[in-house]
């Protein structure tokens, strides 16, 4: 299948080189523009949060009823998907407007957090925060309400 796609691409490039190269430049240019925009946005937020780190993050909320494994898993797994290294998160950060994550990235993060924190992703409809995850704090509360994974593998 891949061979067929490559052959079609080479044929189109051979027959219409200018159109193909223009389309390729548009795609690559859009990708580069989005990457620069996201990086600039996150760097501006990071500059406003100098000195903040994982040590200050849990102090924003009372953690008596929250599993600290969930807090650490959420904090570290979200940071893996951000374009800026060592970005300090806050509980109030909106996953979509502040951190500029896509729905697919959030879905990937959900699965990684479940594995790392030892929480199930089954029966999520019964979770009071199902469909209401917008901020980092919502994500922590969501996983805190999920049952622990008894089989050692998050579903």
N, C-alpha and C. Protein backbone atom coordinates (compact mmCIF):
# COMPACT_ATOMS: atom_id res chain seq x y z
N UNK A 1 0.83 -1.19 0.00
CA UNK A 1 0.00 0.00 0.00
C UNK A 1 0.87 1.25 0.00
N UNK A 2 1.91 1.25 0.84
CA UNK A 2 2.79 2.40 0.91
C UNK A 2 3.51 2.59 -0.43
N UNK A 3 3.88 1.47 -1.05
CA UNK A 3 4.56 1.54 -2.34
C UNK A 3 3.67 2.24 -3.38
N UNK A 4 2.38 1.92 -3.36
CA UNK A 4 1.44 2.53 -4.29
C UNK A 4 1.35 4.04 -4.04
N UNK A 5 1.27 4.44 -2.79
CA UNK A 5 1.19 5.86 -2.45
C UNK A 5 2.45 6.60 -2.88
N UNK A 6 3.60 5.97 -2.68
CA UNK A 6 4.86 6.59 -3.09
C UNK A 6 4.89 6.74 -4.62
N UNK A 7 4.46 5.71 -5.32
CA UNK A 7 4.44 5.77 -6.79
C UNK A 7 3.50 6.87 -7.29
N UNK A 8 2.33 7.00 -6.67
CA UNK A 8 1.39 8.04 -7.05
C UNK A 8 1.99 9.42 -6.76
N UNK A 9 2.64 9.56 -5.61
CA UNK A 9 3.29 10.82 -5.27
C UNK A 9 4.39 11.20 -6.25
N UNK A 10 5.20 10.23 -6.64
CA UNK A 10 6.26 10.49 -7.62
C UNK A 10 5.66 10.86 -8.97
N UNK A 11 4.60 10.17 -9.36
CA UNK A 11 3.95 10.46 -10.64
C UNK A 11 3.40 11.89 -10.66
N UNK A 12 2.70 12.28 -9.56
CA UNK A 12 2.13 13.62 -9.49
C UNK A 12 3.25 14.67 -9.48
N UNK A 13 4.32 14.39 -8.76
CA UNK A 13 5.46 15.30 -8.74
C UNK A 13 6.06 15.43 -10.13
N UNK A 14 6.13 14.33 -10.88
CA UNK A 14 6.69 14.35 -12.22
C UNK A 14 5.80 15.12 -13.20
N UNK A 15 4.49 14.91 -13.09
CA UNK A 15 3.55 15.53 -14.03
C UNK A 15 3.28 16.99 -13.66
N UNK A 16 3.14 17.28 -12.35
CA UNK A 16 2.80 18.63 -11.88
C UNK A 16 3.81 19.07 -10.81
N UNK A 17 5.04 19.32 -11.17
CA UNK A 17 6.05 19.63 -10.13
C UNK A 17 5.77 20.94 -9.39
N UNK A 18 5.32 21.96 -10.07
CA UNK A 18 5.09 23.25 -9.42
C UNK A 18 3.95 23.17 -8.41
N UNK A 19 2.85 22.55 -8.81
CA UNK A 19 1.70 22.42 -7.91
C UNK A 19 2.07 21.57 -6.69
N UNK A 20 2.78 20.49 -6.92
CA UNK A 20 3.17 19.60 -5.83
C UNK A 20 4.10 20.31 -4.85
N UNK A 21 5.07 21.01 -5.36
CA UNK A 21 6.00 21.71 -4.47
C UNK A 21 5.32 22.85 -3.72
N UNK A 22 4.40 23.54 -4.35
CA UNK A 22 3.64 24.59 -3.65
C UNK A 22 2.79 24.01 -2.53
N UNK A 23 2.14 22.90 -2.81
CA UNK A 23 1.32 22.25 -1.78
C UNK A 23 2.20 21.77 -0.62
N UNK A 24 3.35 21.22 -0.95
CA UNK A 24 4.28 20.75 0.08
C UNK A 24 4.78 21.92 0.92
N UNK A 25 5.11 23.03 0.28
CA UNK A 25 5.55 24.22 1.01
C UNK A 25 4.46 24.76 1.93
N UNK A 26 3.21 24.73 1.48
CA UNK A 26 2.11 25.18 2.33
C UNK A 26 1.96 24.31 3.57
N UNK A 27 2.06 23.01 3.39
CA UNK A 27 1.92 22.08 4.53
C UNK A 27 3.06 22.27 5.52
N UNK A 28 4.29 22.28 5.01
CA UNK A 28 5.46 22.44 5.88
C UNK A 28 5.45 23.83 6.53
N UNK A 29 5.08 24.86 5.77
CA UNK A 29 5.02 26.21 6.32
C UNK A 29 3.99 26.33 7.43
N UNK A 30 2.83 25.72 7.25
CA UNK A 30 1.79 25.75 8.28
C UNK A 30 2.25 25.03 9.54
N UNK A 31 2.90 23.88 9.36
CA UNK A 31 3.42 23.14 10.51
C UNK A 31 4.45 23.98 11.27
N UNK A 32 5.37 24.60 10.55
CA UNK A 32 6.40 25.42 11.18
C UNK A 32 5.79 26.62 11.90
N UNK A 33 4.81 27.27 11.26
CA UNK A 33 4.15 28.42 11.87
C UNK A 33 3.46 28.03 13.19
N UNK A 34 2.74 26.93 13.17
CA UNK A 34 2.04 26.47 14.38
C UNK A 34 3.03 26.13 15.49
N UNK A 35 4.11 25.49 15.13
CA UNK A 35 5.13 25.12 16.12
C UNK A 35 5.74 26.37 16.75
N UNK A 36 6.04 27.36 15.93
CA UNK A 36 6.62 28.62 16.44
C UNK A 36 5.61 29.34 17.32
N UNK A 37 4.35 29.37 16.90
CA UNK A 37 3.29 30.04 17.67
C UNK A 37 3.11 29.40 19.04
N UNK A 38 3.07 28.08 19.08
CA UNK A 38 2.89 27.36 20.35
C UNK A 38 4.10 27.58 21.25
N UNK A 39 5.29 27.47 20.69
CA UNK A 39 6.51 27.65 21.48
C UNK A 39 6.58 29.07 22.05
N UNK A 40 6.25 30.06 21.26
CA UNK A 40 6.27 31.46 21.72
C UNK A 40 5.26 31.65 22.86
N UNK A 41 4.07 31.11 22.69
CA UNK A 41 3.02 31.23 23.72
C UNK A 41 3.47 30.59 25.03
N UNK A 42 4.01 29.38 24.95
CA UNK A 42 4.43 28.69 26.17
C UNK A 42 5.64 29.37 26.81
N UNK A 43 6.54 29.91 26.01
CA UNK A 43 7.69 30.64 26.58
C UNK A 43 7.24 31.90 27.31
N UNK A 44 6.21 32.57 26.80
CA UNK A 44 5.68 33.75 27.49
C UNK A 44 5.08 33.36 28.84
N UNK A 45 4.33 32.26 28.86
CA UNK A 45 3.77 31.78 30.13
C UNK A 45 4.88 31.36 31.09
N UNK A 46 5.88 30.68 30.56
CA UNK A 46 6.99 30.21 31.40
C UNK A 46 7.73 31.39 32.02
N UNK A 47 7.90 32.47 31.27
CA UNK A 47 8.58 33.66 31.80
C UNK A 47 7.81 34.29 32.96
N UNK A 48 6.49 34.17 32.94
CA UNK A 48 5.66 34.70 34.03
C UNK A 48 5.71 33.83 35.27
N UNK A 49 6.22 32.60 35.13
CA UNK A 49 6.19 31.62 36.22
C UNK A 49 7.58 31.25 36.70
N UNK A 50 8.51 32.16 36.63
CA UNK A 50 9.88 31.88 37.06
C UNK A 50 9.90 31.40 38.51
N UNK A 51 10.64 30.37 38.77
CA UNK A 51 10.77 29.84 40.12
C UNK A 51 9.73 28.79 40.50
N UNK A 52 8.71 28.60 39.68
CA UNK A 52 7.70 27.59 39.98
C UNK A 52 8.18 26.23 39.49
N UNK A 53 7.82 25.19 40.24
CA UNK A 53 8.22 23.84 39.85
C UNK A 53 7.26 22.83 40.47
N UNK A 54 7.63 21.57 40.39
CA UNK A 54 6.81 20.50 40.96
C UNK A 54 6.65 20.66 42.48
N UNK A 55 7.62 21.27 43.13
CA UNK A 55 7.53 21.45 44.58
C UNK A 55 6.42 22.43 44.96
N UNK A 56 6.21 23.47 44.16
CA UNK A 56 5.17 24.45 44.46
C UNK A 56 3.80 24.00 43.95
N UNK A 57 3.78 23.15 42.94
CA UNK A 57 2.52 22.74 42.31
C UNK A 57 1.52 22.13 43.30
N UNK A 58 1.92 21.16 44.13
CA UNK A 58 0.93 20.57 45.06
C UNK A 58 0.44 21.54 46.13
N UNK A 59 1.19 22.58 46.39
CA UNK A 59 0.81 23.53 47.44
C UNK A 59 -0.36 24.41 47.06
N UNK A 60 -0.74 24.37 45.78
CA UNK A 60 -1.88 25.18 45.34
C UNK A 60 -3.21 24.64 45.87
N UNK A 61 -3.25 23.39 46.23
CA UNK A 61 -4.48 22.75 46.70
C UNK A 61 -4.22 21.95 47.97
N UNK A 62 -5.28 21.66 48.68
CA UNK A 62 -5.21 20.79 49.85
C UNK A 62 -5.16 19.35 49.34
N UNK A 63 -4.12 18.62 49.65
CA UNK A 63 -3.92 17.28 49.10
C UNK A 63 -4.32 16.16 50.07
N UNK A 64 -5.07 16.47 51.10
CA UNK A 64 -5.45 15.41 52.04
C UNK A 64 -6.27 14.30 51.39
N UNK A 65 -7.12 14.65 50.44
CA UNK A 65 -7.99 13.66 49.81
C UNK A 65 -7.53 13.29 48.40
N UNK A 66 -6.33 13.70 48.01
CA UNK A 66 -5.86 13.45 46.65
C UNK A 66 -4.62 12.57 46.69
N UNK A 67 -4.61 11.55 45.84
CA UNK A 67 -3.48 10.64 45.72
C UNK A 67 -2.30 11.38 45.10
N UNK A 68 -1.16 11.40 45.81
CA UNK A 68 0.00 12.13 45.32
C UNK A 68 0.61 11.48 44.08
N UNK A 69 0.38 10.17 43.89
CA UNK A 69 0.84 9.52 42.66
C UNK A 69 0.11 10.10 41.45
N UNK A 70 -1.15 10.40 41.62
CA UNK A 70 -1.94 10.99 40.54
C UNK A 70 -1.42 12.39 40.23
N UNK A 71 -1.14 13.18 41.26
CA UNK A 71 -0.65 14.55 41.07
C UNK A 71 0.66 14.53 40.28
N UNK A 72 1.57 13.68 40.70
CA UNK A 72 2.88 13.62 40.03
C UNK A 72 2.74 13.08 38.60
N UNK A 73 1.90 12.07 38.41
CA UNK A 73 1.71 11.51 37.06
C UNK A 73 1.13 12.55 36.11
N UNK A 74 0.13 13.28 36.56
CA UNK A 74 -0.48 14.31 35.71
C UNK A 74 0.55 15.39 35.39
N UNK A 75 1.25 15.87 36.39
CA UNK A 75 2.23 16.95 36.20
C UNK A 75 3.31 16.53 35.20
N UNK A 76 3.87 15.36 35.39
CA UNK A 76 5.00 14.95 34.54
C UNK A 76 4.56 14.49 33.15
N UNK A 77 3.43 13.85 33.03
CA UNK A 77 2.99 13.36 31.71
C UNK A 77 2.52 14.49 30.81
N UNK A 78 1.88 15.50 31.37
CA UNK A 78 1.47 16.64 30.54
C UNK A 78 2.70 17.37 30.02
N UNK A 79 3.70 17.52 30.87
CA UNK A 79 4.91 18.24 30.45
C UNK A 79 5.63 17.55 29.30
N UNK A 80 5.45 16.24 29.15
CA UNK A 80 6.09 15.53 28.04
C UNK A 80 5.56 15.97 26.68
N UNK A 81 4.32 16.43 26.63
CA UNK A 81 3.71 16.82 25.36
C UNK A 81 3.86 18.31 25.04
N UNK A 82 4.47 19.06 25.92
CA UNK A 82 4.62 20.50 25.69
C UNK A 82 5.89 20.79 24.90
N UNK A 83 5.84 21.83 24.06
CA UNK A 83 6.96 22.17 23.19
C UNK A 83 8.10 22.85 23.93
N UNK A 84 7.87 23.28 25.16
CA UNK A 84 8.88 23.98 25.95
C UNK A 84 9.31 23.07 27.10
N UNK A 85 10.61 22.80 27.23
CA UNK A 85 11.06 21.94 28.32
C UNK A 85 10.94 22.63 29.68
N UNK A 86 10.72 21.84 30.71
CA UNK A 86 10.65 22.32 32.10
C UNK A 86 9.58 23.39 32.29
N UNK A 87 8.44 23.22 31.65
CA UNK A 87 7.35 24.18 31.78
C UNK A 87 6.64 23.97 33.12
N UNK A 88 6.53 25.02 33.95
CA UNK A 88 5.84 24.88 35.25
C UNK A 88 4.32 24.95 35.08
N UNK A 89 3.66 23.90 35.47
CA UNK A 89 2.20 23.84 35.35
C UNK A 89 1.53 24.44 36.58
N UNK A 90 0.30 24.86 36.38
CA UNK A 90 -0.57 25.30 37.47
C UNK A 90 -1.86 24.50 37.40
N UNK A 91 -2.55 24.39 38.52
CA UNK A 91 -3.81 23.65 38.56
C UNK A 91 -4.84 24.28 37.64
N UNK A 92 -4.77 25.57 37.47
CA UNK A 92 -5.78 26.29 36.70
C UNK A 92 -5.48 26.35 35.20
N UNK A 93 -4.36 25.77 34.76
CA UNK A 93 -4.02 25.80 33.33
C UNK A 93 -5.06 25.06 32.51
N UNK A 94 -5.62 25.75 31.53
CA UNK A 94 -6.56 25.12 30.61
C UNK A 94 -5.75 24.29 29.62
N UNK A 95 -6.13 23.02 29.45
CA UNK A 95 -5.37 22.12 28.59
C UNK A 95 -5.38 22.59 27.13
N UNK A 96 -6.46 23.23 26.72
CA UNK A 96 -6.62 23.58 25.32
C UNK A 96 -6.21 25.02 25.00
N UNK A 97 -6.56 25.98 25.86
CA UNK A 97 -6.26 27.37 25.55
C UNK A 97 -4.95 27.86 26.14
N UNK A 98 -4.56 27.36 27.31
CA UNK A 98 -3.29 27.77 27.92
C UNK A 98 -2.13 26.91 27.42
N UNK A 99 -2.31 25.60 27.45
CA UNK A 99 -1.22 24.69 27.06
C UNK A 99 -1.25 24.33 25.59
N UNK A 100 -2.34 24.70 24.90
CA UNK A 100 -2.50 24.48 23.45
C UNK A 100 -2.35 23.02 23.04
N UNK A 101 -2.90 22.13 23.84
CA UNK A 101 -2.91 20.71 23.49
C UNK A 101 -4.11 20.41 22.60
N UNK A 102 -3.96 19.44 21.74
CA UNK A 102 -5.07 19.01 20.90
C UNK A 102 -5.84 17.90 21.62
N UNK A 103 -7.01 17.58 21.13
CA UNK A 103 -7.81 16.51 21.73
C UNK A 103 -7.07 15.18 21.66
N UNK A 104 -6.37 14.92 20.56
CA UNK A 104 -5.60 13.68 20.44
C UNK A 104 -4.47 13.63 21.45
N UNK A 105 -3.80 14.75 21.67
CA UNK A 105 -2.73 14.79 22.66
C UNK A 105 -3.27 14.55 24.06
N UNK A 106 -4.41 15.13 24.37
CA UNK A 106 -5.02 14.93 25.69
C UNK A 106 -5.41 13.46 25.86
N UNK A 107 -5.93 12.84 24.81
CA UNK A 107 -6.28 11.43 24.88
C UNK A 107 -5.05 10.56 25.14
N UNK A 108 -3.95 10.86 24.48
CA UNK A 108 -2.70 10.12 24.72
C UNK A 108 -2.22 10.32 26.15
N UNK A 109 -2.32 11.55 26.64
CA UNK A 109 -1.90 11.85 28.00
C UNK A 109 -2.76 11.08 29.00
N UNK A 110 -4.06 10.98 28.74
CA UNK A 110 -4.95 10.24 29.64
C UNK A 110 -4.49 8.80 29.83
N UNK A 111 -4.14 8.16 28.73
CA UNK A 111 -3.71 6.76 28.81
C UNK A 111 -2.37 6.62 29.54
N UNK A 112 -1.46 7.53 29.30
CA UNK A 112 -0.16 7.47 29.98
C UNK A 112 -0.31 7.74 31.48
N UNK A 113 -1.17 8.67 31.84
CA UNK A 113 -1.40 8.97 33.26
C UNK A 113 -2.02 7.77 33.95
N UNK A 114 -2.99 7.14 33.30
CA UNK A 114 -3.64 5.97 33.89
C UNK A 114 -2.61 4.87 34.17
N UNK A 115 -1.73 4.62 33.22
CA UNK A 115 -0.70 3.60 33.43
C UNK A 115 0.25 3.99 34.56
N UNK A 116 0.68 5.22 34.55
CA UNK A 116 1.66 5.66 35.54
C UNK A 116 1.08 5.74 36.94
N UNK A 117 -0.16 6.18 37.06
CA UNK A 117 -0.79 6.34 38.38
C UNK A 117 -1.47 5.07 38.86
N UNK A 118 -1.54 4.04 37.98
CA UNK A 118 -2.20 2.80 38.38
C UNK A 118 -3.70 2.93 38.50
N UNK A 119 -4.30 3.70 37.61
CA UNK A 119 -5.76 3.90 37.63
C UNK A 119 -6.40 3.30 36.40
N UNK A 120 -7.62 2.82 36.54
CA UNK A 120 -8.37 2.23 35.42
C UNK A 120 -8.99 3.33 34.58
N UNK A 121 -9.13 3.04 33.30
CA UNK A 121 -9.89 3.92 32.43
C UNK A 121 -11.22 3.29 32.03
N UNK A 122 -11.58 2.22 32.71
CA UNK A 122 -12.90 1.63 32.47
C UNK A 122 -13.91 2.34 33.38
N UNK A 123 -15.15 2.32 32.99
CA UNK A 123 -16.25 2.92 33.73
C UNK A 123 -16.04 4.41 33.97
N UNK A 124 -15.48 5.09 32.98
CA UNK A 124 -15.26 6.53 33.13
C UNK A 124 -16.57 7.31 33.12
N UNK A 125 -17.62 6.73 32.54
CA UNK A 125 -18.92 7.41 32.50
C UNK A 125 -19.49 7.63 33.89
N UNK A 126 -19.09 6.79 34.84
CA UNK A 126 -19.58 6.92 36.21
C UNK A 126 -18.81 7.96 37.01
N UNK A 127 -17.71 8.44 36.47
CA UNK A 127 -16.91 9.46 37.13
C UNK A 127 -17.66 10.79 37.06
N UNK A 128 -17.76 11.52 38.18
CA UNK A 128 -18.50 12.79 38.16
C UNK A 128 -17.87 13.84 37.24
N UNK A 129 -16.61 13.67 36.88
CA UNK A 129 -15.94 14.64 36.00
C UNK A 129 -15.87 14.17 34.56
N UNK A 130 -16.58 13.11 34.23
CA UNK A 130 -16.56 12.61 32.86
C UNK A 130 -17.08 13.67 31.90
N UNK A 131 -16.27 13.98 30.88
CA UNK A 131 -16.65 14.99 29.89
C UNK A 131 -16.48 16.42 30.36
N UNK A 132 -15.92 16.63 31.54
CA UNK A 132 -15.77 17.97 32.09
C UNK A 132 -14.31 18.35 32.33
N UNK A 133 -13.39 17.62 31.73
CA UNK A 133 -11.97 17.89 31.96
C UNK A 133 -11.53 19.05 31.07
N UNK A 134 -11.17 20.15 31.70
CA UNK A 134 -10.72 21.33 30.97
C UNK A 134 -9.35 21.78 31.49
N UNK A 135 -9.14 21.71 32.80
CA UNK A 135 -7.90 22.20 33.39
C UNK A 135 -7.05 21.04 33.92
N UNK A 136 -5.83 21.37 34.30
CA UNK A 136 -4.94 20.38 34.91
C UNK A 136 -5.56 19.87 36.21
N UNK A 137 -6.15 20.76 36.98
CA UNK A 137 -6.81 20.36 38.23
C UNK A 137 -7.98 19.42 37.99
N UNK A 138 -8.74 19.64 36.92
CA UNK A 138 -9.83 18.74 36.57
C UNK A 138 -9.30 17.34 36.26
N UNK A 139 -8.17 17.29 35.58
CA UNK A 139 -7.56 16.01 35.22
C UNK A 139 -7.12 15.25 36.48
N UNK A 140 -6.55 15.96 37.43
CA UNK A 140 -6.14 15.34 38.69
C UNK A 140 -7.37 14.83 39.44
N UNK A 141 -8.40 15.64 39.52
CA UNK A 141 -9.63 15.22 40.21
C UNK A 141 -10.27 14.03 39.50
N UNK A 142 -10.25 14.03 38.18
CA UNK A 142 -10.81 12.91 37.41
C UNK A 142 -10.11 11.61 37.77
N UNK A 143 -8.79 11.61 37.74
CA UNK A 143 -8.06 10.37 38.04
C UNK A 143 -8.14 10.01 39.51
N UNK A 144 -8.32 10.99 40.37
CA UNK A 144 -8.48 10.69 41.79
C UNK A 144 -9.79 9.96 42.05
N UNK A 145 -10.81 10.20 41.20
CA UNK A 145 -12.10 9.52 41.33
C UNK A 145 -12.11 8.15 40.65
N UNK A 146 -11.15 7.89 39.76
CA UNK A 146 -11.11 6.60 39.07
C UNK A 146 -10.60 5.52 40.03
N UNK A 147 -11.15 4.29 39.92
CA UNK A 147 -10.69 3.21 40.79
C UNK A 147 -9.26 2.80 40.43
N UNK A 148 -8.56 2.27 41.45
CA UNK A 148 -7.21 1.77 41.21
C UNK A 148 -7.30 0.52 40.35
N UNK A 149 -6.27 0.35 39.54
CA UNK A 149 -6.20 -0.80 38.63
C UNK A 149 -5.73 -2.02 39.41
N UNK A 150 -6.60 -2.99 39.56
CA UNK A 150 -6.27 -4.18 40.35
C UNK A 150 -5.44 -5.19 39.60
N UNK A 151 -5.46 -5.14 38.27
CA UNK A 151 -4.76 -6.13 37.47
C UNK A 151 -3.34 -5.67 37.09
N UNK A 152 -2.97 -4.45 37.42
CA UNK A 152 -1.64 -3.96 37.11
C UNK A 152 -1.54 -3.34 35.72
N UNK A 153 -2.62 -3.37 34.97
CA UNK A 153 -2.63 -2.76 33.63
C UNK A 153 -3.87 -1.87 33.54
N UNK A 154 -3.65 -0.63 33.23
CA UNK A 154 -4.79 0.29 33.10
C UNK A 154 -5.52 -0.01 31.79
N UNK A 155 -6.84 -0.13 31.87
CA UNK A 155 -7.64 -0.42 30.66
C UNK A 155 -8.09 0.84 30.02
